[in-house]
């Protein structure tokens, strides 16, 4: 899928790629730790909502230089 299809109002491609990379790294780290990700549950379910909040906390941690598992090798 092209960037335009995902974000019809446009966005800088490098910003989109950086956000996608960060989300992929957080997803990989969570899976390695045995943690769920939002897509493991039905969209809008209480479980998905709770995991989504935890996922956002992990992204925030990564943005602030959090766990080495998210930043090593980059």
Protein backbone atom coordinates (compact mmCIF):
# COMPACT_ATOMS: atom_id res chain seq x y z
CA UNK A 1 0.00 0.00 0.00
CA UNK A 2 1.29 3.44 -0.90
CA UNK A 3 1.76 6.25 1.64
CA UNK A 4 -1.08 8.21 -0.03
CA UNK A 5 -3.51 5.35 0.57
CA UNK A 6 -2.65 5.16 4.28
CA UNK A 7 -2.55 8.91 4.83
CA UNK A 8 -4.79 10.63 2.32
CA UNK A 9 -4.00 14.09 3.71
CA UNK A 10 -0.30 13.62 3.10
CA UNK A 11 2.77 13.46 5.26
CA UNK A 12 6.49 13.70 4.77
CA UNK A 13 7.64 10.27 3.57
CA UNK A 14 10.70 10.23 5.83
CA UNK A 15 8.55 11.00 8.88
CA UNK A 16 6.12 8.23 7.91
CA UNK A 17 9.02 5.79 7.45
CA UNK A 18 10.55 6.73 10.82
CA UNK A 19 7.22 6.24 12.60
CA UNK A 20 6.71 2.90 10.86
CA UNK A 21 10.20 1.78 11.83
CA UNK A 22 9.66 2.74 15.47
CA UNK A 23 6.33 0.89 15.58
CA UNK A 24 7.96 -2.20 14.06
CA UNK A 25 10.78 -2.11 16.62
CA UNK A 26 8.32 -1.76 19.51
CA UNK A 27 6.22 -4.61 18.08
CA UNK A 28 9.28 -6.86 17.79
CA UNK A 29 10.44 -6.03 21.32
CA UNK A 30 6.97 -6.70 22.77
CA UNK A 31 6.72 -10.04 20.95
CA UNK A 32 10.20 -11.03 22.18
CA UNK A 33 9.05 -10.24 25.73
CA UNK A 34 5.91 -12.32 25.28
CA UNK A 35 3.66 -9.24 25.36
CA UNK A 36 0.60 -8.80 23.18
CA UNK A 37 0.17 -6.16 20.50
CA UNK A 38 -3.12 -4.45 19.66
CA UNK A 39 -3.67 -6.46 16.47
CA UNK A 40 -3.72 -9.67 18.55
CA UNK A 41 -7.28 -8.73 19.55
CA UNK A 42 -10.47 -7.68 17.81
CA UNK A 43 -10.44 -3.98 16.97
CA UNK A 44 -12.28 -1.96 19.61
CA UNK A 45 -12.32 -4.77 22.17
CA UNK A 46 -11.41 -3.92 25.78
CA UNK A 47 -8.31 -6.11 25.43
CA UNK A 48 -7.14 -4.32 22.30
CA UNK A 49 -7.72 -0.94 23.92
CA UNK A 50 -5.74 -1.90 27.04
CA UNK A 51 -2.86 -3.32 24.99
CA UNK A 52 -2.90 -0.25 22.72
CA UNK A 53 -2.37 2.00 25.75
CA UNK A 54 0.53 -0.16 26.91
CA UNK A 55 1.93 -0.13 23.35
CA UNK A 56 1.82 3.68 23.33
CA UNK A 57 3.70 3.72 26.64
CA UNK A 58 6.38 1.54 25.05
CA UNK A 59 6.62 3.92 22.09
CA UNK A 60 6.94 6.86 24.47
CA UNK A 61 9.68 5.02 26.36
CA UNK A 62 11.53 4.32 23.11
CA UNK A 63 11.30 7.98 22.10
CA UNK A 64 12.83 8.98 25.41
CA UNK A 65 15.74 6.55 25.13
CA UNK A 66 13.99 3.69 26.89
CA UNK A 67 14.87 0.00 26.91
CA UNK A 68 17.99 -0.95 24.99
CA UNK A 69 16.03 -3.64 23.16
CA UNK A 70 14.34 -0.87 21.18
CA UNK A 71 17.46 1.15 20.41
CA UNK A 72 20.38 -1.27 20.06
CA UNK A 73 21.95 -1.38 16.65
CA UNK A 74 20.41 1.89 15.48
